[in-house]
Each structure stands twice: as C-alpha cells, then as structure tokens.
C-alpha cells in the first residue's frame, strides 16, 4: 500500500504518515490527538486534517462565509438535538436484542 503524509491544512505542520486514507486516516488522526473534519454541513466536501482546534477554527473561518457557518451550525445543532431525542428509543431497541 502507498504511504500518505498528512499535514495540518491551516499551518502546514506535519502530522503523521499512514497507509490509510479518508475516514480510516481520520480515525488514526483522532487517535493520535489531531483534528479530523468532514465539513459538509458548511458546504465543503472532503476529508480535512488539522493539528489543533485553533487551526480548524481559523481554516473554517477563512474558507466559509458567516452565513455558511450559521447554517452549518444550525443544522449540526438540529442533528444533535434529534440524536438526543432518539436515544431512549435506541436504548429500548438495544435492550430488546
């Protein structure tokens, strides 16, 4: 397999090497303490890697408009609320199994 090098997309800092790509590389980044994002709620496609939350926030602010961030944050809030509301049903279903 090909080896991939991952760098912070904001500051350019080297993060890690991996044979993995996409979500698998994202899971590895997370395990290593880095930030992995798929910001589709903000209208940005693809997998993005950052060394810290600060770099993620700077990158997001420079790659989106205030309206995109407001809409993305609103959608994310609705999804979190829906997941929270559905937890009892999920737990009940798992207990039946």
PDB file of N, CA and C in Angstrom:
ATOM      1  N   UNK A   1       0.836  -1.200   0.000  1.00  0.00           N
ATOM      2  CA  UNK A   1       0.000   0.000   0.000  1.00  0.00           C
ATOM      3  C   UNK A   1       0.878   1.260   0.000  1.00  0.00           C
ATOM      4  N   UNK A   2       0.335   2.300  -0.559  1.00  0.00           N
ATOM      5  CA  UNK A   2       1.058   3.568  -0.617  1.00  0.00           C
ATOM      6  C   UNK A   2       1.031   4.268   0.730  1.00  0.00           C
ATOM      7  N   UNK A   3       2.122   4.887   1.067  1.00  0.00           N
ATOM      8  CA  UNK A   3       2.223   5.652   2.312  1.00  0.00           C
ATOM      9  C   UNK A   3       1.781   7.087   2.023  1.00  0.00           C
ATOM     10  N   UNK A   4       0.959   7.650   2.870  1.00  0.00           N
ATOM     11  CA  UNK A   4       0.475   9.021   2.720  1.00  0.00           C
ATOM     12  C   UNK A   4       1.001   9.849   3.880  1.00  0.00           C
ATOM     13  N   UNK A   5       1.367  11.082   3.594  1.00  0.00           N
ATOM     14  CA  UNK A   5       1.769  12.005   4.648  1.00  0.00           C
ATOM     15  C   UNK A   5       0.634  12.996   4.843  1.00  0.00           C
ATOM     16  N   UNK A   6       0.304  13.250   6.099  1.00  0.00           N
ATOM     17  CA  UNK A   6      -0.770  14.177   6.429  1.00  0.00           C
ATOM     18  C   UNK A   6      -0.198  15.391   7.141  1.00  0.00           C
ATOM     19  N   UNK A   7      -0.682  16.560   6.723  1.00  0.00           N
ATOM     20  CA  UNK A   7      -0.242  17.841   7.265  1.00  0.00           C
ATOM     21  C   UNK A   7      -1.460  18.646   7.682  1.00  0.00           C
ATOM     22  N   UNK A   8      -1.268  19.545   8.636  1.00  0.00           N
ATOM     23  CA  UNK A   8      -2.333  20.464   9.034  1.00  0.00           C
ATOM     24  C   UNK A   8      -2.652  21.356   7.845  1.00  0.00           C
ATOM     25  N   UNK A   9      -3.924  21.447   7.502  1.00  0.00           N
ATOM     26  CA  UNK A   9      -4.320  22.244   6.344  1.00  0.00           C
ATOM     27  C   UNK A   9      -4.303  23.749   6.604  1.00  0.00           C
ATOM     28  N   UNK A  10      -4.134  24.143   7.857  1.00  0.00           N
ATOM     29  CA  UNK A  10      -4.057  25.571   8.171  1.00  0.00           C
ATOM     30  C   UNK A  10      -2.610  26.031   8.266  1.00  0.00           C
ATOM     31  N   UNK A  11      -1.818  25.389   9.124  1.00  0.00           N
ATOM     32  CA  UNK A  11      -0.453  25.874   9.368  1.00  0.00           C
ATOM     33  C   UNK A  11       0.625  25.069   8.648  1.00  0.00           C
ATOM     34  N   UNK A  12       0.249  23.927   8.070  1.00  0.00           N
ATOM     35  CA  UNK A  12       1.205  23.131   7.317  1.00  0.00           C
ATOM     36  C   UNK A  12       2.065  22.191   8.138  1.00  0.00           C
ATOM     37  N   UNK A  13       1.839  22.129   9.454  1.00  0.00           N
ATOM     38  CA  UNK A  13       2.631  21.260  10.324  1.00  0.00           C
ATOM     39  C   UNK A  13       2.447  19.787   9.927  1.00  0.00           C
ATOM     40  N   UNK A  14       3.555  19.043   9.892  1.00  0.00           N
ATOM     41  CA  UNK A  14       3.490  17.606   9.621  1.00  0.00           C
ATOM     42  C   UNK A  14       2.751  16.922  10.775  1.00  0.00           C
ATOM     43  N   UNK A  15       1.802  16.027  10.445  1.00  0.00           N
ATOM     44  CA  UNK A  15       1.031  15.338  11.472  1.00  0.00           C
ATOM     45  C   UNK A  15       1.461  13.872  11.613  1.00  0.00           C
ATOM     46  N   UNK A  16       1.345  13.087  10.533  1.00  0.00           N
ATOM     47  CA  UNK A  16       1.682  11.665  10.612  1.00  0.00           C
ATOM     48  C   UNK A  16       1.717  11.047   9.231  1.00  0.00           C
ATOM     49  N   UNK A  17       2.300   9.861   9.140  1.00  0.00           N
ATOM     50  CA  UNK A  17       2.276   9.038   7.926  1.00  0.00           C
ATOM     51  C   UNK A  17       1.294   7.916   8.153  1.00  0.00           C
ATOM     52  N   UNK A  18       0.626   7.487   7.087  1.00  0.00           N
ATOM     53  CA  UNK A  18      -0.311   6.374   7.198  1.00  0.00           C
ATOM     54  C   UNK A  18      -0.520   5.727   5.839  1.00  0.00           C
ATOM     55  N   UNK A  19      -0.823   4.455   5.861  1.00  0.00           N
ATOM     56  CA  UNK A  19      -1.233   3.770   4.639  1.00  0.00           C
ATOM     57  C   UNK A  19      -2.720   3.979   4.399  1.00  0.00           C
ATOM     58  N   UNK A  20      -3.404   4.535   5.383  1.00  0.00           N
ATOM     59  CA  UNK A  20      -4.850   4.714   5.313  1.00  0.00           C
ATOM     60  C   UNK A  20      -5.212   6.036   4.639  1.00  0.00           C
ATOM     61  N   UNK A  21      -6.446   6.078   4.122  1.00  0.00           N
ATOM     62  CA  UNK A  21      -6.980   7.297   3.509  1.00  0.00           C
ATOM     63  C   UNK A  21      -8.378   7.556   4.051  1.00  0.00           C
ATOM     64  N   UNK A  22      -8.907   8.752   3.786  1.00  0.00           N
ATOM     65  CA  UNK A  22     -10.283   9.082   4.138  1.00  0.00           C
ATOM     66  C   UNK A  22     -10.596   8.901   5.605  1.00  0.00           C
ATOM     67  N   UNK A  23     -11.752   8.298   5.872  1.00  0.00           N
ATOM     68  CA  UNK A  23     -12.222   8.132   7.242  1.00  0.00           C
ATOM     69  C   UNK A  23     -11.298   7.285   8.102  1.00  0.00           C
ATOM     70  N   UNK A  24     -10.650   6.276   7.494  1.00  0.00           N
ATOM     71  CA  UNK A  24      -9.717   5.436   8.253  1.00  0.00           C
ATOM     72  C   UNK A  24      -8.517   6.264   8.720  1.00  0.00           C
ATOM     73  N   UNK A  25      -8.014   7.144   7.847  1.00  0.00           N
ATOM     74  CA  UNK A  25      -6.932   8.041   8.240  1.00  0.00           C
ATOM     75  C   UNK A  25      -7.439   9.053   9.266  1.00  0.00           C
ATOM     76  N   UNK A  26      -8.688   9.459   9.134  1.00  0.00           N
ATOM     77  CA  UNK A  26      -9.282  10.374  10.108  1.00  0.00           C
ATOM     78  C   UNK A  26      -9.353   9.759  11.490  1.00  0.00           C
ATOM     79  N   UNK A  27      -9.725   8.481  11.556  1.00  0.00           N
ATOM     80  CA  UNK A  27      -9.771   7.786  12.839  1.00  0.00           C
ATOM     81  C   UNK A  27      -8.377   7.709  13.445  1.00  0.00           C
ATOM     82  N   UNK A  28      -7.377   7.459  12.607  1.00  0.00           N
ATOM     83  CA  UNK A  28      -5.998   7.413  13.088  1.00  0.00           C
ATOM     84  C   UNK A  28      -5.559   8.784  13.590  1.00  0.00           C
ATOM     85  N   UNK A  29      -5.915   9.842  12.858  1.00  0.00           N
ATOM     86  CA  UNK A  29      -5.583  11.206  13.279  1.00  0.00           C
ATOM     87  C   UNK A  29      -6.188  11.498  14.646  1.00  0.00           C
ATOM     88  N   UNK A  30      -7.449  11.129  14.809  1.00  0.00           N
ATOM     89  CA  UNK A  30      -8.133  11.355  16.084  1.00  0.00           C
ATOM     90  C   UNK A  30      -7.438  10.601  17.220  1.00  0.00           C
ATOM     91  N   UNK A  31      -7.080   9.357  16.954  1.00  0.00           N
ATOM     92  CA  UNK A  31      -6.400   8.531  17.962  1.00  0.00           C
ATOM     93  C   UNK A  31      -5.062   9.160  18.362  1.00  0.00           C
ATOM     94  N   UNK A  32      -4.401   9.829  17.415  1.00  0.00           N
ATOM     95  CA  UNK A  32      -3.115  10.465  17.683  1.00  0.00           C
ATOM     96  C   UNK A  32      -3.256  11.857  18.303  1.00  0.00           C
ATOM     97  N   UNK A  33      -4.489  12.330  18.468  1.00  0.00           N
ATOM     98  CA  UNK A  33      -4.728  13.624  19.103  1.00  0.00           C
ATOM     99  C   UNK A  33      -4.893  14.788  18.150  1.00  0.00           C
ATOM    100  N   UNK A  34      -5.026  14.507  16.860  1.00  0.00           N
ATOM    101  CA  UNK A  34      -5.224  15.570  15.884  1.00  0.00           C
ATOM    102  C   UNK A  34      -6.714  15.741  15.585  1.00  0.00           C
ATOM    103  N   UNK A  35      -7.031  16.749  14.799  1.00  0.00           N
ATOM    104  CA  UNK A  35      -8.419  17.064  14.470  1.00  0.00           C
ATOM    105  C   UNK A  35      -8.691  16.657  13.028  1.00  0.00           C
ATOM    106  N   UNK A  36      -9.745  15.873  12.834  1.00  0.00           N
ATOM    107  CA  UNK A  36     -10.173  15.421  11.511  1.00  0.00           C
ATOM    108  C   UNK A  36     -11.598  15.899  11.295  1.00  0.00           C
ATOM    109  N   UNK A  37     -11.840  16.520  10.158  1.00  0.00           N
ATOM    110  CA  UNK A  37     -13.173  17.059   9.886  1.00  0.00           C
ATOM    111  C   UNK A  37     -13.628  16.717   8.466  1.00  0.00           C
ATOM    112  N   UNK A  38     -14.933  16.534   8.354  1.00  0.00           N
ATOM    113  CA  UNK A  38     -15.619  16.414   7.065  1.00  0.00           C
ATOM    114  C   UNK A  38     -16.710  17.498   7.093  1.00  0.00           C
ATOM    115  N   UNK A  39     -16.366  18.734   6.737  1.00  0.00           N
ATOM    116  CA  UNK A  39     -17.274  19.877   6.951  1.00  0.00           C
ATOM    117  C   UNK A  39     -18.360  20.051   5.900  1.00  0.00           C
ATOM    118  N   UNK A  40     -19.028  18.951   5.531  1.00  0.00           N
ATOM    119  CA  UNK A  40     -20.070  19.029   4.500  1.00  0.00           C
ATOM    120  C   UNK A  40     -21.243  19.905   4.927  1.00  0.00           C
ATOM    121  N   UNK A  41     -21.492  20.037   6.230  1.00  0.00           N
ATOM    122  CA  UNK A  41     -22.595  20.900   6.680  1.00  0.00           C
ATOM    123  C   UNK A  41     -22.321  22.373   6.362  1.00  0.00           C
ATOM    124  N   UNK A  42     -21.046  22.690   6.107  1.00  0.00           N
ATOM    125  CA  UNK A  42     -20.670  24.062   5.767  1.00  0.00           C
ATOM    126  C   UNK A  42     -20.472  24.236   4.267  1.00  0.00           C
ATOM    127  N   UNK A  43     -20.833  23.205   3.489  1.00  0.00           N
ATOM    128  CA  UNK A  43     -20.708  23.278   2.041  1.00  0.00           C
ATOM    129  C   UNK A  43     -19.326  22.919   1.521  1.00  0.00           C
ATOM    130  N   UNK A  44     -18.512  22.253   2.339  1.00  0.00           N
ATOM    131  CA  UNK A  44     -17.154  21.878   1.940  1.00  0.00           C
ATOM    132  C   UNK A  44     -17.067  20.359   1.936  1.00  0.00           C
ATOM    133  N   UNK A  45     -16.646  19.805   0.810  1.00  0.00           N
ATOM    134  CA  UNK A  45     -16.560  18.352   0.699  1.00  0.00           C
ATOM    135  C   UNK A  45     -15.136  17.884   1.010  1.00  0.00           C
ATOM    136  N   UNK A  46     -15.005  16.613   1.307  1.00  0.00           N
ATOM    137  CA  UNK A  46     -13.696  16.015   1.505  1.00  0.00           C
ATOM    138  C   UNK A  46     -13.315  15.861   2.959  1.00  0.00           C
ATOM    139  N   UNK A  47     -12.140  15.263   3.141  1.00  0.00           N
ATOM    140  CA  UNK A  47     -11.570  14.991   4.462  1.00  0.00           C
ATOM    141  C   UNK A  47     -10.472  16.016   4.735  1.00  0.00           C
ATOM    142  N   UNK A  48     -10.482  16.582   5.926  1.00  0.00           N
ATOM    143  CA  UNK A  48      -9.533  17.652   6.251  1.00  0.00           C
ATOM    144  C   UNK A  48      -8.893  17.385   7.610  1.00  0.00           C
ATOM    145  N   UNK A  49      -7.584  17.618   7.678  1.00  0.00           N
ATOM    146  CA  UNK A  49      -6.792  17.309   8.863  1.00  0.00           C
ATOM    147  C   UNK A  49      -6.175  18.580   9.438  1.00  0.00           C
ATOM    148  N   UNK A  50      -6.172  18.668  10.780  1.00  0.00           N
ATOM    149  CA  UNK A  50      -5.640  19.847  11.458  1.00  0.00           C
ATOM    150  C   UNK A  50      -4.874  19.422  12.707  1.00  0.00           C
ATOM    151  N   UNK A  51      -3.897  20.232  13.099  1.00  0.00           N
ATOM    152  CA  UNK A  51      -3.103  19.895  14.278  1.00  0.00           C
ATOM    153  C   UNK A  51      -3.833  20.239  15.571  1.00  0.00           C
ATOM    154  N   UNK A  52      -4.785  21.169  15.506  1.00  0.00           N
ATOM    155  CA  UNK A  52      -5.480  21.601  16.717  1.00  0.00           C
ATOM    156  C   UNK A  52      -6.844  22.183  16.369  1.00  0.00           C
ATOM    157  N   UNK A  53      -7.659  22.387  17.404  1.00  0.00           N
ATOM    158  CA  UNK A  53      -8.961  23.022  17.199  1.00  0.00           C
ATOM    159  C   UNK A  53      -8.787  24.465  16.746  1.00  0.00           C
ATOM    160  N   UNK A  54      -7.726  25.128  17.234  1.00  0.00           N
ATOM    161  CA  UNK A  54      -7.480  26.507  16.816  1.00  0.00           C
ATOM    162  C   UNK A  54      -7.252  26.584  15.305  1.00  0.00           C
ATOM    163  N   UNK A  55      -6.423  25.670  14.781  1.00  0.00           N
ATOM    164  CA  UNK A  55      -6.180  25.663  13.331  1.00  0.00           C
ATOM    165  C   UNK A  55      -7.453  25.329  12.570  1.00  0.00           C
ATOM    166  N   UNK A  56      -8.234  24.390  13.086  1.00  0.00           N
ATOM    167  CA  UNK A  56      -9.515  24.053  12.444  1.00  0.00           C
ATOM    168  C   UNK A  56     -10.401  25.286  12.373  1.00  0.00           C
ATOM    169  N   UNK A  57     -10.533  26.022  13.481  1.00  0.00           N
ATOM    170  CA  UNK A  57     -11.397  27.203  13.513  1.00  0.00           C
ATOM    171  C   UNK A  57     -10.899  28.293  12.566  1.00  0.00           C
ATOM    172  N   UNK A  58      -9.577  28.524  12.530  1.00  0.00           N
ATOM    173  CA  UNK A  58      -9.023  29.526  11.616  1.00  0.00           C
ATOM    174  C   UNK A  58      -9.305  29.135  10.167  1.00  0.00           C
ATOM    175  N   UNK A  59      -9.084  27.856   9.851  1.00  0.00           N
ATOM    176  CA  UNK A  59      -9.298  27.365   8.486  1.00  0.00           C
ATOM    177  C   UNK A  59     -10.768  27.507   8.092  1.00  0.00           C
ATOM    178  N   UNK A  60     -11.666  27.092   8.981  1.00  0.00           N
ATOM    179  CA  UNK A  60     -13.094  27.176   8.689  1.00  0.00           C
ATOM    180  C   UNK A  60     -13.507  28.625   8.450  1.00  0.00           C
ATOM    181  N   UNK A  61     -13.027  29.539   9.287  1.00  0.00           N
ATOM    182  CA  UNK A  61     -13.382  30.953   9.127  1.00  0.00           C
ATOM    183  C   UNK A  61     -12.865  31.531   7.816  1.00  0.00           C
ATOM    184  N   UNK A  62     -11.714  31.041   7.345  1.00  0.00           N
ATOM    185  CA  UNK A  62     -11.170  31.588   6.102  1.00  0.00           C
ATOM    186  C   UNK A  62     -11.730  30.898   4.857  1.00  0.00           C
ATOM    187  N   UNK A  63     -12.406  29.755   5.019  1.00  0.00           N
ATOM    188  CA  UNK A  63     -12.941  29.020   3.874  1.00  0.00           C
ATOM    189  C   UNK A  63     -14.470  29.043   3.785  1.00  0.00           C
ATOM    190  N   UNK A  64     -15.119  29.768   4.677  1.00  0.00           N
ATOM    191  CA  UNK A  64     -16.574  29.859   4.661  1.00  0.00           C
ATOM    192  C   UNK A  64     -17.009  31.292   4.941  1.00  0.00           C
ATOM    193  N   UNK A  65     -18.241  31.559   4.582  1.00  0.00           N
ATOM    194  CA  UNK A  65     -18.824  32.861   4.906  1.00  0.00           C
ATOM    195  C   UNK A  65     -19.526  32.750   6.267  1.00  0.00           C
ATOM    196  N   UNK A  66     -19.866  33.868   6.819  1.00  0.00           N
ATOM    197  CA  UNK A  66     -20.608  33.877   8.087  1.00  0.00           C
ATOM    198  C   UNK A  66     -21.950  33.151   7.925  1.00  0.00           C
ATOM    199  N   UNK A  67     -22.584  33.324   6.785  1.00  0.00           N
ATOM    200  CA  UNK A  67     -23.866  32.662   6.524  1.00  0.00           C
ATOM    201  C   UNK A  67     -23.684  31.141   6.458  1.00  0.00           C
ATOM    202  N   UNK A  68     -22.636  30.667   5.789  1.00  0.00           N
ATOM    203  CA  UNK A  68     -22.379  29.221   5.723  1.00  0.00           C
ATOM    204  C   UNK A  68     -22.159  28.647   7.125  1.00  0.00           C
ATOM    205  N   UNK A  69     -21.404  29.368   7.948  1.00  0.00           N
ATOM    206  CA  UNK A  69     -21.145  28.891   9.311  1.00  0.00           C
ATOM    207  C   UNK A  69     -22.421  28.877  10.133  1.00  0.00           C
ATOM    208  N   UNK A  70     -23.254  29.905   9.995  1.00  0.00           N
ATOM    209  CA  UNK A  70     -24.508  29.963  10.743  1.00  0.00           C
ATOM    210  C   UNK A  70     -25.435  28.819  10.333  1.00  0.00           C
ATOM    211  N   UNK A  71     -25.557  28.584   9.028  1.00  0.00           N
ATOM    212  CA  UNK A  71     -26.415  27.497   8.547  1.00  0.00           C
ATOM    213  C   UNK A  71     -25.865  26.129   8.960  1.00  0.00           C
ATOM    214  N   UNK A  72     -24.554  25.948   8.835  1.00  0.00           N
ATOM    215  CA  UNK A  72     -23.931  24.682   9.231  1.00  0.00           C
ATOM    216  C   UNK A  72     -24.085  24.412  10.713  1.00  0.00           C
ATOM    217  N   UNK A  73     -23.856  25.435  11.525  1.00  0.00           N
ATOM    218  CA  UNK A  73     -24.010  25.274  12.975  1.00  0.00           C
ATOM    219  C   UNK A  73     -25.452  24.992  13.354  1.00  0.00           C
ATOM    220  N   UNK A  74     -26.388  25.624  12.672  1.00  0.00           N
ATOM    221  CA  UNK A  74     -27.804  25.392  12.937  1.00  0.00           C
ATOM    222  C   UNK A  74     -28.187  23.948  12.598  1.00  0.00           C
ATOM    223  N   UNK A  75     -27.733  23.466  11.451  1.00  0.00           N
ATOM    224  CA  UNK A  75     -28.019  22.084  11.054  1.00  0.00           C
ATOM    225  C   UNK A  75     -27.396  21.106  12.040  1.00  0.00           C
ATOM    226  N   UNK A  76     -26.156  21.360  12.446  1.00  0.00           N
ATOM    227  CA  UNK A  76     -25.475  20.483  13.404  1.00  0.00           C
ATOM    228  C   UNK A  76     -26.227  20.446  14.733  1.00  0.00           C
ATOM    229  N   UNK A  77     -26.730  21.595  15.161  1.00  0.00           N
ATOM    230  CA  UNK A  77     -27.490  21.655  16.409  1.00  0.00           C
ATOM    231  C   UNK A  77     -28.767  20.818  16.300  1.00  0.00           C
ATOM    232  N   UNK A  78     -29.458  20.923  15.166  1.00  0.00           N
ATOM    233  CA  UNK A  78     -30.685  20.145  14.960  1.00  0.00           C
ATOM    234  C   UNK A  78     -30.387  18.649  14.964  1.00  0.00           C
ATOM    235  N   UNK A  79     -29.299  18.245  14.336  1.00  0.00           N
ATOM    236  CA  UNK A  79     -28.918  16.829  14.307  1.00  0.00           C
ATOM    237  C   UNK A  79     -28.627  16.334  15.715  1.00  0.00           C
ATOM    238  N   UNK A  80     -27.857  17.113  16.501  1.00  0.00           N
ATOM    239  CA  UNK A  80     -27.541  16.720  17.887  1.00  0.00           C
ATOM    240  C   UNK A  80     -28.810  16.602  18.723  1.00  0.00           C
ATOM    241  N   UNK A  81     -29.727  17.549  18.555  1.00  0.00           N
ATOM    242  CA  UNK A  81     -30.982  17.506  19.307  1.00  0.00           C
ATOM    243  C   UNK A  81     -31.805  16.283  18.924  1.00  0.00           C
ATOM    244  N   UNK A  82     -31.823  15.958  17.648  1.00  0.00           N
ATOM    245  CA  UNK A  82     -32.575  14.785  17.175  1.00  0.00           C
ATOM    246  C   UNK A  82     -31.972  13.492  17.725  1.00  0.00           C
ATOM    247  N   UNK A  83     -30.637  13.416  17.708  1.00  0.00           N
ATOM    248  CA  UNK A  83     -29.962  12.237  18.260  1.00  0.00           C
ATOM    249  C   UNK A  83     -30.265  12.080  19.748  1.00  0.00           C
ATOM    250  N   UNK A  84     -30.243  13.178  20.451  1.00  0.00           N
ATOM    251  CA  UNK A  84     -30.537  13.147  21.893  1.00  0.00           C
ATOM    252  C   UNK A  84     -31.972  12.700  22.131  1.00  0.00           C
ATOM    253  N   UNK A  85     -32.902  13.204  21.322  1.00  0.00           N
ATOM    254  CA  UNK A  85     -34.313  12.836  21.477  1.00  0.00           C
ATOM    255  C   UNK A  85     -34.547  11.370  21.141  1.00  0.00           C
ATOM    256  N   UNK A  86     -33.766  10.820  20.216  1.00  0.00           N
ATOM    257  CA  UNK A  86     -33.940   9.421  19.796  1.00  0.00           C
ATOM    258  C   UNK A  86     -33.210   8.417  20.688  1.00  0.00           C
ATOM    259  N   UNK A  87     -32.389   8.884  21.626  1.00  0.00           N
ATOM    260  CA  UNK A  87     -31.633   7.966  22.478  1.00  0.00           C
ATOM    261  C   UNK A  87     -32.503   6.956  23.223  1.00  0.00           C
ATOM    262  N   UNK A  88     -33.603   7.387  23.863  1.00  0.00           N
ATOM    263  CA  UNK A  88     -34.422   6.404  24.589  1.00  0.00           C
ATOM    264  C   UNK A  88     -34.935   5.280  23.683  1.00  0.00           C
ATOM    265  N   UNK A  89     -35.344   5.617  22.470  1.00  0.00           N
ATOM    266  CA  UNK A  89     -35.822   4.595  21.528  1.00  0.00           C
ATOM    267  C   UNK A  89     -34.689   3.642  21.152  1.00  0.00           C
ATOM    268  N   UNK A  90     -33.512   4.180  20.946  1.00  0.00           N
ATOM    269  CA  UNK A  90     -32.363   3.359  20.594  1.00  0.00           C
ATOM    270  C   UNK A  90     -32.008   2.411  21.740  1.00  0.00           C
ATOM    271  N   UNK A  91     -31.972   2.934  22.952  1.00  0.00           N
ATOM    272  CA  UNK A  91     -31.659   2.107  24.123  1.00  0.00           C
ATOM    273  C   UNK A  91     -32.704   1.012  24.294  1.00  0.00           C
ATOM    274  N   UNK A  92     -33.963   1.375  24.132  1.00  0.00           N
ATOM    275  CA  UNK A  92     -35.051   0.394  24.246  1.00  0.00           C
ATOM    276  C   UNK A  92     -34.891  -0.712  23.199  1.00  0.00           C
ATOM    277  N   UNK A  93     -34.572  -0.336  21.987  1.00  0.00           N
ATOM    278  CA  UNK A  93     -34.373  -1.313  20.921  1.00  0.00           C
ATOM    279  C   UNK A  93     -33.179  -2.232  21.200  1.00  0.00           C
ATOM    280  N   UNK A  94     -32.101  -1.651  21.701  1.00  0.00           N
ATOM    281  CA  UNK A  94     -30.924  -2.457  22.025  1.00  0.00           C
ATOM    282  C   UNK A  94     -31.192  -3.415  23.179  1.00  0.00           C
ATOM    283  N   UNK A  95     -31.992  -2.996  24.134  1.00  0.00           N
ATOM    284  CA  UNK A  95     -32.312  -3.854  25.259  1.00  0.00           C
ATOM    285  C   UNK A  95     -33.164  -5.053  24.822  1.00  0.00           C
ATOM    286  N   UNK A  96     -33.987  -4.867  23.785  1.00  0.00           N
ATOM    287  CA  UNK A  96     -34.794  -5.985  23.274  1.00  0.00           C
ATOM    288  C   UNK A  96     -33.924  -7.020  22.575  1.00  0.00           C
ATOM    289  N   UNK A  97     -32.821  -6.604  22.044  1.00  0.00           N
ATOM    290  CA  UNK A  97     -31.925  -7.532  21.335  1.00  0.00           C
ATOM    291  C   UNK A  97     -31.204  -8.330  22.363  1.00  0.00           C
TER     292      UNK A  97
END
